[in-house]
Amino acid sequence: MSQRKVAFVTGASRGIGRACALELARRGFDVVVTARTVREGEFREYSSTVKRKATVPLPGSLERTAEEVRALGAEALVAKLDLSAREDWPAAVDAALDRFGRIDVLVNNGRYIGPGHMDPFEETPLDLIETMFTCNVIAPLHLVRLCLPAMKRQGGGIVINVTSSAGDRETPDPIGKGGWGLGYSITKAAFNRMVPGLAKELRGYGIAVIGLMPGFVGTERMAIELGGFGFDASRGLPVENPGRVCAMLATARDPMVFTGRDVHGPTFFAEHASVDFSPPAR
């Protein structure tokens, strides 16, 4: 069993998930990195519309993130986790527990990536919206449930859901011109709503459930694929911003201060960048 704390991060091959994994490693966590893309150059469909196919593999992979985690002095475990593949959910958690014997922090960052995200409702096959619910809502719930026994044995833990303002309010911009499809909004609304509900139920076990709303962040995929839909990655925050906020929350002296809340990442970082969030020395 690991003597260090262990974080389990979904969507860690690139973007916000990779940044969370690296910042957690810097703060003393061993990290289980999970996503669809295990090796560099693997192709996964990531086009946001049914009208076209993505043809160029995105940069980043679990193997690369794991190498970066190890370079920071932490241990890393690569576990393939396609949120749409139900068999991957328990397999990834079992692999983490077999390797480390514990999971202290679960970061639900990964989400559905693919067609339907930027399509009008009438042009979106409903099976794609069902897949969005599987990836954005059902899979994270299962991961929380799968991690609960270990967290309860340990006397506590932290669940950090990377939430979105799309789940709280609708943009006036048209879909594909700064706006997004219905499937993204309604699944993120359900995902956001998990935070206060689960926080209420899990408080008695010493498990904090925190929403991290990252704001507008310029990721690799946004730079490559979303420019044509009205999203300028060059105007976004760097991925390191939510990554650092995630690590700050994961190492808070009393994470229960934040449980049930949605923390706005840019504001939180600006207000707490100079605060020592590491736990007291033992």
C-alpha atoms as a PDB file:
ATOM      1  CA  MET A   1       0.000   0.000   0.000  1.00  0.00           C
ATOM      2  CA  SER A   2       1.293   3.432  -0.941  1.00  0.00           C
ATOM      3  CA  GLN A   3       2.544   5.591   1.925  1.00  0.00           C
ATOM      4  CA  ARG A   4       1.808   8.656  -0.185  1.00  0.00           C
ATOM      5  CA  LYS A   5      -1.605   9.927  -1.116  1.00  0.00           C
ATOM      6  CA  VAL A   6      -2.997   8.832  -4.467  1.00  0.00           C
ATOM      7  CA  ALA A   7      -5.018  10.812  -7.009  1.00  0.00           C
ATOM      8  CA  PHE A   8      -7.115   9.264  -9.780  1.00  0.00           C
ATOM      9  CA  VAL A   9      -7.562  11.664 -12.718  1.00  0.00           C
ATOM     10  CA  THR A  10      -9.805  11.126 -15.736  1.00  0.00           C
ATOM     11  CA  GLY A  11      -9.091  12.742 -19.100  1.00  0.00           C
ATOM     12  CA  ALA A  12      -5.402  12.987 -18.174  1.00  0.00           C
ATOM     13  CA  SER A  13      -3.861  12.520 -21.613  1.00  0.00           C
ATOM     14  CA  ARG A  14      -3.942  16.267 -22.308  1.00  0.00           C
ATOM     15  CA  GLY A  15      -5.589  19.546 -21.362  1.00  0.00           C
ATOM     16  CA  ILE A  16      -6.956  20.234 -17.901  1.00  0.00           C
ATOM     17  CA  GLY A  17      -6.645  16.595 -16.807  1.00  0.00           C
ATOM     18  CA  ARG A  18      -2.950  16.457 -17.634  1.00  0.00           C
ATOM     19  CA  ALA A  19      -2.396  19.751 -15.809  1.00  0.00           C
ATOM     20  CA  CYS A  20      -4.238  18.417 -12.736  1.00  0.00           C
ATOM     21  CA  ALA A  21      -2.110  15.263 -12.755  1.00  0.00           C
ATOM     22  CA  LEU A  22       1.137  17.225 -12.920  1.00  0.00           C
ATOM     23  CA  GLU A  23       0.182  19.714 -10.218  1.00  0.00           C
ATOM     24  CA  LEU A  24      -0.959  16.901  -7.919  1.00  0.00           C
ATOM     25  CA  ALA A  25       2.371  15.160  -8.490  1.00  0.00           C
ATOM     26  CA  ARG A  26       4.183  18.384  -7.570  1.00  0.00           C
ATOM     27  CA  ARG A  27       2.268  18.421  -4.287  1.00  0.00           C
ATOM     28  CA  GLY A  28       3.254  14.909  -3.294  1.00  0.00           C
ATOM     29  CA  PHE A  29       0.595  12.662  -4.824  1.00  0.00           C
ATOM     30  CA  ASP A  30       1.167   9.484  -6.756  1.00  0.00           C
ATOM     31  CA  VAL A  31      -1.167   9.655  -9.741  1.00  0.00           C
ATOM     32  CA  VAL A  32      -3.365   7.251 -11.687  1.00  0.00           C
ATOM     33  CA  VAL A  33      -3.743   8.795 -15.131  1.00  0.00           C
ATOM     34  CA  THR A  34      -6.727   7.646 -17.183  1.00  0.00           C
ATOM     35  CA  ALA A  35      -8.154   8.482 -20.608  1.00  0.00           C
ATOM     36  CA  ARG A  36      -8.836   6.934 -24.025  1.00  0.00           C
ATOM     37  CA  THR A  37      -5.471   7.792 -25.598  1.00  0.00           C
ATOM     38  CA  VAL A  38      -2.759   5.595 -24.115  1.00  0.00           C
ATOM     39  CA  ARG A  39       0.016   6.120 -26.681  1.00  0.00           C
ATOM     40  CA  GLU A  40       1.033   9.168 -28.677  1.00  0.00           C
ATOM     41  CA  GLY A  41      -0.506   9.318 -32.135  1.00  0.00           C
ATOM     42  CA  GLU A  42      -3.516   7.105 -31.465  1.00  0.00           C
ATOM     43  CA  PHE A  43      -6.585   8.352 -33.293  1.00  0.00           C
ATOM     44  CA  ARG A  44      -9.851   9.001 -31.482  1.00  0.00           C
ATOM     45  CA  GLU A  45     -12.837  10.747 -33.057  1.00  0.00           C
ATOM     46  CA  TYR A  46     -12.984  14.260 -31.628  1.00  0.00           C
ATOM     47  CA  SER A  47     -14.846  16.298 -34.214  1.00  0.00           C
ATOM     48  CA  SER A  48     -17.617  18.270 -32.514  1.00  0.00           C
ATOM     49  CA  THR A  49     -20.097  17.811 -35.342  1.00  0.00           C
ATOM     50  CA  VAL A  50     -21.678  14.981 -37.290  1.00  0.00           C
ATOM     51  CA  LYS A  51     -20.951  16.928 -40.478  1.00  0.00           C
ATOM     52  CA  ARG A  52     -17.247  16.079 -40.566  1.00  0.00           C
ATOM     53  CA  LYS A  53     -14.580  13.756 -39.217  1.00  0.00           C
ATOM     54  CA  ALA A  54     -11.449  14.668 -37.297  1.00  0.00           C
ATOM     55  CA  THR A  55      -8.452  13.239 -39.130  1.00  0.00           C
ATOM     56  CA  VAL A  56      -5.334  14.416 -37.257  1.00  0.00           C
ATOM     57  CA  PRO A  57      -4.464  12.771 -33.915  1.00  0.00           C
ATOM     58  CA  LEU A  58      -4.393  15.204 -31.017  1.00  0.00           C
ATOM     59  CA  PRO A  59      -1.102  15.738 -29.190  1.00  0.00           C
ATOM     60  CA  GLY A  60      -0.765  14.065 -25.815  1.00  0.00           C
ATOM     61  CA  SER A  61      -1.180  10.621 -24.320  1.00  0.00           C
ATOM     62  CA  LEU A  62      -1.322   8.850 -20.979  1.00  0.00           C
ATOM     63  CA  GLU A  63       2.192   7.530 -21.503  1.00  0.00           C
ATOM     64  CA  ARG A  64       3.527  11.061 -21.959  1.00  0.00           C
ATOM     65  CA  THR A  65       1.656  12.392 -18.924  1.00  0.00           C
ATOM     66  CA  ALA A  66       2.930   9.471 -16.845  1.00  0.00           C
ATOM     67  CA  GLU A  67       6.503  10.244 -17.881  1.00  0.00           C
ATOM     68  CA  GLU A  68       6.031  13.860 -16.807  1.00  0.00           C
ATOM     69  CA  VAL A  69       4.551  12.755 -13.475  1.00  0.00           C
ATOM     70  CA  ARG A  70       7.530  10.457 -12.830  1.00  0.00           C
ATOM     71  CA  ALA A  71       9.961  13.241 -13.723  1.00  0.00           C
ATOM     72  CA  LEU A  72       8.447  15.173 -10.802  1.00  0.00           C
ATOM     73  CA  GLY A  73       9.371  12.364  -8.408  1.00  0.00           C
ATOM     74  CA  ALA A  74       5.935  10.767  -8.131  1.00  0.00           C
ATOM     75  CA  GLU A  75       4.745   7.330  -9.157  1.00  0.00           C
ATOM     76  CA  ALA A  76       2.318   7.058 -12.065  1.00  0.00           C
ATOM     77  CA  LEU A  77      -0.023   4.329 -13.223  1.00  0.00           C
ATOM     78  CA  VAL A  78      -1.484   4.353 -16.742  1.00  0.00           C
ATOM     79  CA  ALA A  79      -5.033   2.953 -16.888  1.00  0.00           C
ATOM     80  CA  LYS A  80      -7.058   3.100 -20.094  1.00  0.00           C
ATOM     81  CA  LEU A  81     -10.492   4.528 -19.348  1.00  0.00           C
ATOM     82  CA  ASP A  82     -12.983   5.232 -22.106  1.00  0.00           C
ATOM     83  CA  LEU A  83     -15.921   6.815 -20.302  1.00  0.00           C
ATOM     84  CA  SER A  84     -18.324   5.296 -22.838  1.00  0.00           C
ATOM     85  CA  ALA A  85     -17.021   1.754 -22.160  1.00  0.00           C
ATOM     86  CA  ARG A  86     -18.644   0.469 -18.971  1.00  0.00           C
ATOM     87  CA  GLU A  87     -16.122  -2.330 -18.565  1.00  0.00           C
ATOM     88  CA  ASP A  88     -13.322   0.241 -18.279  1.00  0.00           C
ATOM     89  CA  TRP A  89     -14.775   1.882 -15.152  1.00  0.00           C
ATOM     90  CA  PRO A  90     -14.206  -0.909 -12.589  1.00  0.00           C
ATOM     91  CA  ALA A  91     -11.090  -2.124 -14.389  1.00  0.00           C
ATOM     92  CA  ALA A  92      -9.345   1.243 -13.970  1.00  0.00           C
ATOM     93  CA  VAL A  93     -10.298   1.606 -10.291  1.00  0.00           C
ATOM     94  CA  ASP A  94      -9.292  -1.995  -9.562  1.00  0.00           C
ATOM     95  CA  ALA A  95      -5.924  -1.391 -11.238  1.00  0.00           C
ATOM     96  CA  ALA A  96      -5.385   1.699  -9.072  1.00  0.00           C
ATOM     97  CA  LEU A  97      -6.217  -0.140  -5.858  1.00  0.00           C
ATOM     98  CA  ASP A  98      -4.124  -3.162  -6.844  1.00  0.00           C
ATOM     99  CA  ARG A  99      -1.131  -0.894  -7.427  1.00  0.00           C
ATOM    100  CA  PHE A 100      -1.471   1.612  -4.604  1.00  0.00           C
ATOM    101  CA  GLY A 101      -4.051   0.214  -2.175  1.00  0.00           C
ATOM    102  CA  ARG A 102      -5.782   3.569  -1.828  1.00  0.00           C
ATOM    103  CA  ILE A 103      -7.421   6.470  -3.667  1.00  0.00           C
ATOM    104  CA  ASP A 104      -7.479   9.772  -1.802  1.00  0.00           C
ATOM    105  CA  VAL A 105      -8.613  12.136  -4.534  1.00  0.00           C
ATOM    106  CA  LEU A 106     -10.865  11.418  -7.514  1.00  0.00           C
ATOM    107  CA  VAL A 107     -10.779  14.094 -10.213  1.00  0.00           C
ATOM    108  CA  ASN A 108     -13.742  13.713 -12.584  1.00  0.00           C
ATOM    109  CA  ASN A 109     -12.379  15.795 -15.434  1.00  0.00           C
ATOM    110  CA  GLY A 110     -12.938  13.628 -18.527  1.00  0.00           C
ATOM    111  CA  ARG A 111     -16.117  14.033 -20.561  1.00  0.00           C
ATOM    112  CA  TYR A 112     -17.656  13.061 -23.869  1.00  0.00           C
ATOM    113  CA  ILE A 113     -15.637  14.267 -26.840  1.00  0.00           C
ATOM    114  CA  GLY A 114     -17.122  13.853 -30.297  1.00  0.00           C
ATOM    115  CA  PRO A 115     -19.996  14.606 -32.681  1.00  0.00           C
ATOM    116  CA  GLY A 116     -23.148  16.230 -31.330  1.00  0.00           C
ATOM    117  CA  HIS A 117     -21.339  18.795 -29.240  1.00  0.00           C
ATOM    118  CA  MET A 118     -21.785  21.528 -31.860  1.00  0.00           C
ATOM    119  CA  ASP A 119     -24.860  20.256 -33.694  1.00  0.00           C
ATOM    120  CA  PRO A 120     -28.413  21.626 -33.443  1.00  0.00           C
ATOM    121  CA  PHE A 121     -30.861  19.380 -31.616  1.00  0.00           C
ATOM    122  CA  GLU A 122     -32.736  18.330 -34.753  1.00  0.00           C
ATOM    123  CA  GLU A 123     -29.481  17.281 -36.410  1.00  0.00           C
ATOM    124  CA  THR A 124     -28.114  15.374 -33.404  1.00  0.00           C
ATOM    125  CA  PRO A 125     -28.831  11.634 -33.298  1.00  0.00           C
ATOM    126  CA  LEU A 126     -30.402  10.968 -29.913  1.00  0.00           C
ATOM    127  CA  ASP A 127     -28.096   8.021 -29.340  1.00  0.00           C
ATOM    128  CA  LEU A 128     -25.248  10.553 -29.225  1.00  0.00           C
ATOM    129  CA  ILE A 129     -27.018  12.458 -26.444  1.00  0.00           C
ATOM    130  CA  GLU A 130     -27.452   9.144 -24.618  1.00  0.00           C
ATOM    131  CA  THR A 131     -23.692   8.581 -24.987  1.00  0.00           C
ATOM    132  CA  MET A 132     -23.078  12.073 -23.596  1.00  0.00           C
ATOM    133  CA  PHE A 133     -25.132  11.178 -20.531  1.00  0.00           C
ATOM    134  CA  THR A 134     -23.145   7.956 -20.151  1.00  0.00           C
ATOM    135  CA  CYS A 135     -19.798   9.769 -20.312  1.00  0.00           C
ATOM    136  CA  ASN A 136     -20.669  12.996 -18.496  1.00  0.00           C
ATOM    137  CA  VAL A 137     -23.036  11.732 -15.803  1.00  0.00           C
ATOM    138  CA  ILE A 138     -23.267   7.960 -15.397  1.00  0.00           C
ATOM    139  CA  ALA A 139     -19.543   7.188 -15.634  1.00  0.00           C
ATOM    140  CA  PRO A 140     -18.538   9.795 -13.002  1.00  0.00           C
ATOM    141  CA  LEU A 141     -21.248   8.483 -10.663  1.00  0.00           C
ATOM    142  CA  HIS A 142     -19.920   4.960 -11.055  1.00  0.00           C
ATOM    143  CA  LEU A 143     -16.370   6.128 -10.421  1.00  0.00           C
ATOM    144  CA  VAL A 144     -17.461   7.837  -7.206  1.00  0.00           C
ATOM    145  CA  ARG A 145     -19.289   4.670  -6.134  1.00  0.00           C
ATOM    146  CA  LEU A 146     -16.262   2.503  -6.973  1.00  0.00           C
ATOM    147  CA  CYS A 147     -13.908   4.750  -4.988  1.00  0.00           C
ATOM    148  CA  LEU A 148     -16.170   5.060  -1.948  1.00  0.00           C
ATOM    149  CA  PRO A 149     -15.165   1.827  -0.149  1.00  0.00           C
ATOM    150  CA  ALA A 150     -11.476   2.789  -0.220  1.00  0.00           C
ATOM    151  CA  MET A 151     -12.161   6.364   0.873  1.00  0.00           C
ATOM    152  CA  LYS A 152     -14.377   5.189   3.728  1.00  0.00           C
ATOM    153  CA  ARG A 153     -11.700   2.728   4.899  1.00  0.00           C
ATOM    154  CA  GLN A 154      -9.160   5.538   4.854  1.00  0.00           C
ATOM    155  CA  GLY A 155     -11.424   7.808   6.888  1.00  0.00           C
ATOM    156  CA  GLY A 156     -12.065  10.322   4.122  1.00  0.00           C
ATOM    157  CA  GLY A 157     -11.271  11.559   0.654  1.00  0.00           C
ATOM    158  CA  ILE A 158     -11.968  14.244  -1.911  1.00  0.00           C
ATOM    159  CA  VAL A 159     -13.986  14.178  -5.120  1.00  0.00           C
ATOM    160  CA  ILE A 160     -13.330  17.091  -7.482  1.00  0.00           C
ATOM    161  CA  ASN A 161     -15.734  17.474 -10.403  1.00  0.00           C
ATOM    162  CA  VAL A 162     -14.525  19.777 -13.180  1.00  0.00           C
ATOM    163  CA  THR A 163     -17.825  21.522 -13.840  1.00  0.00           C
ATOM    164  CA  SER A 164     -18.952  24.010 -16.485  1.00  0.00           C
ATOM    165  CA  SER A 165     -20.953  27.212 -16.650  1.00  0.00           C
ATOM    166  CA  ALA A 166     -22.727  25.619 -19.634  1.00  0.00           C
ATOM    167  CA  GLY A 167     -24.660  23.582 -17.093  1.00  0.00           C
ATOM    168  CA  ASP A 168     -25.896  26.701 -15.292  1.00  0.00           C
ATOM    169  CA  ARG A 169     -26.720  29.178 -18.025  1.00  0.00           C
ATOM    170  CA  GLU A 170     -27.251  29.276 -21.762  1.00  0.00           C
ATOM    171  CA  THR A 171     -25.168  31.452 -24.039  1.00  0.00           C
ATOM    172  CA  PRO A 172     -27.077  33.685 -26.484  1.00  0.00           C
ATOM    173  CA  ASP A 173     -24.527  32.816 -29.177  1.00  0.00           C
ATOM    174  CA  PRO A 174     -25.704  30.428 -31.902  1.00  0.00           C
ATOM    175  CA  ILE A 175     -24.468  26.855 -31.925  1.00  0.00           C
ATOM    176  CA  GLY A 176     -21.128  26.707 -33.714  1.00  0.00           C
ATOM    177  CA  LYS A 177     -20.562  30.458 -33.342  1.00  0.00           C
ATOM    178  CA  GLY A 178     -19.644  30.565 -29.673  1.00  0.00           C
ATOM    179  CA  GLY A 179     -22.604  28.479 -28.532  1.00  0.00           C
ATOM    180  CA  TRP A 180     -22.877  24.738 -27.925  1.00  0.00           C
ATOM    181  CA  GLY A 181     -25.358  21.934 -28.472  1.00  0.00           C
ATOM    182  CA  LEU A 182     -28.117  20.884 -26.098  1.00  0.00           C
ATOM    183  CA  GLY A 183     -26.451  17.603 -25.123  1.00  0.00           C
ATOM    184  CA  TYR A 184     -23.481  19.403 -23.601  1.00  0.00           C
ATOM    185  CA  SER A 185     -25.664  21.800 -21.617  1.00  0.00           C
ATOM    186  CA  ILE A 186     -28.066  19.263 -20.145  1.00  0.00           C
ATOM    187  CA  THR A 187     -25.407  16.700 -19.241  1.00  0.00           C
ATOM    188  CA  LYS A 188     -23.222  19.335 -17.621  1.00  0.00           C
ATOM    189  CA  ALA A 189     -26.252  20.556 -15.664  1.00  0.00           C
ATOM    190  CA  ALA A 190     -26.691  17.061 -14.209  1.00  0.00           C
ATOM    191  CA  PHE A 191     -22.949  16.751 -13.573  1.00  0.00           C
ATOM    192  CA  ASN A 192     -22.832  20.135 -11.817  1.00  0.00           C
ATOM    193  CA  ARG A 193     -25.803  19.140  -9.657  1.00  0.00           C
ATOM    194  CA  MET A 194     -23.935  16.120  -8.309  1.00  0.00           C
ATOM    195  CA  VAL A 195     -21.731  18.333  -6.183  1.00  0.00           C
ATOM    196  CA  PRO A 196     -24.191  19.600  -3.530  1.00  0.00           C
ATOM    197  CA  GLY A 197     -26.202  16.376  -3.480  1.00  0.00           C
ATOM    198  CA  LEU A 198     -23.261  14.028  -3.006  1.00  0.00           C
ATOM    199  CA  ALA A 199     -21.573  16.444  -0.592  1.00  0.00           C
ATOM    200  CA  LYS A 200     -24.602  16.251   1.696  1.00  0.00           C
ATOM    201  CA  GLU A 201     -24.616  12.456   1.673  1.00  0.00           C
ATOM    202  CA  LEU A 202     -20.867  11.862   1.985  1.00  0.00           C
ATOM    203  CA  ARG A 203     -19.976  14.508   4.574  1.00  0.00           C
ATOM    204  CA  GLY A 204     -20.470  12.009   7.392  1.00  0.00           C
ATOM    205  CA  TYR A 205     -17.693   9.830   5.962  1.00  0.00           C
ATOM    206  CA  GLY A 206     -15.241  12.711   5.801  1.00  0.00           C
ATOM    207  CA  ILE A 207     -15.482  12.830   2.000  1.00  0.00           C
ATOM    208  CA  ALA A 208     -15.558  16.283   0.433  1.00  0.00           C
ATOM    209  CA  VAL A 209     -17.229  16.779  -2.958  1.00  0.00           C
ATOM    210  CA  ILE A 210     -16.103  19.969  -4.677  1.00  0.00           C
ATOM    211  CA  GLY A 211     -16.954  21.520  -8.034  1.00  0.00           C
ATOM    212  CA  LEU A 212     -14.107  23.194  -9.904  1.00  0.00           C
ATOM    213  CA  MET A 213     -15.404  25.552 -12.587  1.00  0.00           C
ATOM    214  CA  PRO A 214     -12.284  26.303 -14.640  1.00  0.00           C
ATOM    215  CA  GLY A 215     -13.569  29.185 -16.750  1.00  0.00           C
ATOM    216  CA  PHE A 216     -12.527  29.567 -20.370  1.00  0.00           C
ATOM    217  CA  VAL A 217      -9.370  27.485 -20.778  1.00  0.00           C
ATOM    218  CA  GLY A 218      -7.353  27.144 -23.979  1.00  0.00           C
ATOM    219  CA  THR A 219      -6.663  23.417 -24.421  1.00  0.00           C
ATOM    220  CA  GLU A 220      -4.853  21.578 -27.210  1.00  0.00           C
ATOM    221  CA  ARG A 221      -8.112  20.323 -28.669  1.00  0.00           C
ATOM    222  CA  MET A 222      -9.648  23.779 -28.593  1.00  0.00           C
ATOM    223  CA  ALA A 223      -6.683  25.194 -30.502  1.00  0.00           C
ATOM    224  CA  ILE A 224      -6.879  22.472 -33.163  1.00  0.00           C
ATOM    225  CA  GLU A 225     -10.599  21.876 -33.566  1.00  0.00           C
ATOM    226  CA  LEU A 226     -12.826  24.527 -32.016  1.00  0.00           C
ATOM    227  CA  GLY A 227     -11.585  27.691 -33.702  1.00  0.00           C
ATOM    228  CA  GLY A 228     -14.097  27.196 -36.485  1.00  0.00           C
ATOM    229  CA  PHE A 229     -16.917  27.123 -33.928  1.00  0.00           C
ATOM    230  CA  GLY A 230     -16.189  30.523 -32.407  1.00  0.00           C
ATOM    231  CA  PHE A 231     -13.737  29.552 -29.658  1.00  0.00           C
ATOM    232  CA  ASP A 232     -10.346  31.277 -29.712  1.00  0.00           C
ATOM    233  CA  ALA A 233      -7.933  29.217 -27.611  1.00  0.00           C
ATOM    234  CA  SER A 234      -5.407  32.059 -27.553  1.00  0.00           C
ATOM    235  CA  ARG A 235      -7.847  34.060 -25.397  1.00  0.00           C
ATOM    236  CA  GLY A 236      -8.274  31.261 -22.859  1.00  0.00           C
ATOM    237  CA  LEU A 237      -6.542  30.661 -19.570  1.00  0.00           C
ATOM    238  CA  PRO A 238      -3.601  28.261 -19.563  1.00  0.00           C
ATOM    239  CA  VAL A 239      -4.428  24.718 -18.455  1.00  0.00           C
ATOM    240  CA  GLU A 240      -2.061  25.201 -15.520  1.00  0.00           C
ATOM    241  CA  ASN A 241      -4.581  27.542 -13.883  1.00  0.00           C
ATOM    242  CA  PRO A 242      -7.275  24.917 -13.153  1.00  0.00           C
ATOM    243  CA  GLY A 243      -4.537  22.362 -12.583  1.00  0.00           C
ATOM    244  CA  ARG A 244      -3.119  24.394  -9.729  1.00  0.00           C
ATOM    245  CA  VAL A 245      -6.542  25.109  -8.266  1.00  0.00           C
ATOM    246  CA  CYS A 246      -7.292  21.373  -8.315  1.00  0.00           C
ATOM    247  CA  ALA A 247      -4.077  20.662  -6.420  1.00  0.00           C
ATOM    248  CA  MET A 248      -4.754  23.477  -3.962  1.00  0.00           C
ATOM    249  CA  LEU A 249      -8.167  22.020  -3.159  1.00  0.00           C
ATOM    250  CA  ALA A 250      -6.735  18.507  -2.899  1.00  0.00           C
ATOM    251  CA  THR A 251      -4.200  19.665  -0.300  1.00  0.00           C
ATOM    252  CA  ALA A 252      -6.427  22.042   1.653  1.00  0.00           C
ATOM    253  CA  ARG A 253      -6.009  21.793   5.419  1.00  0.00           C
ATOM    254  CA  ASP A 254      -9.770  21.347   5.736  1.00  0.00           C
ATOM    255  CA  PRO A 255     -11.365  20.374   2.410  1.00  0.00           C
ATOM    256  CA  MET A 256     -14.770  20.301   4.115  1.00  0.00           C
ATOM    257  CA  VAL A 257     -14.698  24.101   3.918  1.00  0.00           C
ATOM    258  CA  PHE A 258     -15.270  23.707   0.181  1.00  0.00           C
ATOM    259  CA  THR A 259     -17.544  20.674   0.063  1.00  0.00           C
ATOM    260  CA  GLY A 260     -20.816  21.176  -1.766  1.00  0.00           C
ATOM    261  CA  ARG A 261     -19.515  24.306  -3.441  1.00  0.00           C
ATOM    262  CA  ASP A 262     -18.592  25.208  -7.001  1.00  0.00           C
ATOM    263  CA  VAL A 263     -15.209  26.942  -6.842  1.00  0.00           C
ATOM    264  CA  HIS A 264     -14.592  29.403  -9.683  1.00  0.00           C
ATOM    265  CA  GLY A 265     -11.028  28.550 -10.663  1.00  0.00           C
ATOM    266  CA  PRO A 266      -9.729  31.907 -11.974  1.00  0.00           C
ATOM    267  CA  THR A 267     -11.068  33.839  -8.975  1.00  0.00           C
ATOM    268  CA  PHE A 268      -9.910  31.235  -6.474  1.00  0.00           C
ATOM    269  CA  PHE A 269      -6.418  31.145  -7.939  1.00  0.00           C
ATOM    270  CA  ALA A 270      -6.116  34.928  -7.912  1.00  0.00           C
ATOM    271  CA  GLU A 271      -7.251  35.133  -4.287  1.00  0.00           C
ATOM    272  CA  HIS A 272      -5.243  32.178  -2.942  1.00  0.00           C
ATOM    273  CA  ALA A 273      -2.119  31.957  -5.083  1.00  0.00           C
ATOM    274  CA  SER A 274       0.091  32.988  -2.151  1.00  0.00           C
ATOM    275  CA  VAL A 275      -1.656  30.818   0.442  1.00  0.00           C
ATOM    276  CA  ASP A 276       0.033  27.620   1.676  1.00  0.00           C
ATOM    277  CA  PHE A 277      -2.597  24.938   1.168  1.00  0.00           C
ATOM    278  CA  SER A 278      -0.387  22.022   2.097  1.00  0.00           C
ATOM    279  CA  PRO A 279      -1.410  19.986   5.133  1.00  0.00           C
ATOM    280  CA  PRO A 280       0.462  20.514   8.423  1.00  0.00           C
ATOM    281  CA  ALA A 281       3.675  18.509   8.849  1.00  0.00           C
ATOM    282  CA  ARG A 282       3.314  15.280  10.789  1.00  0.00           C
END
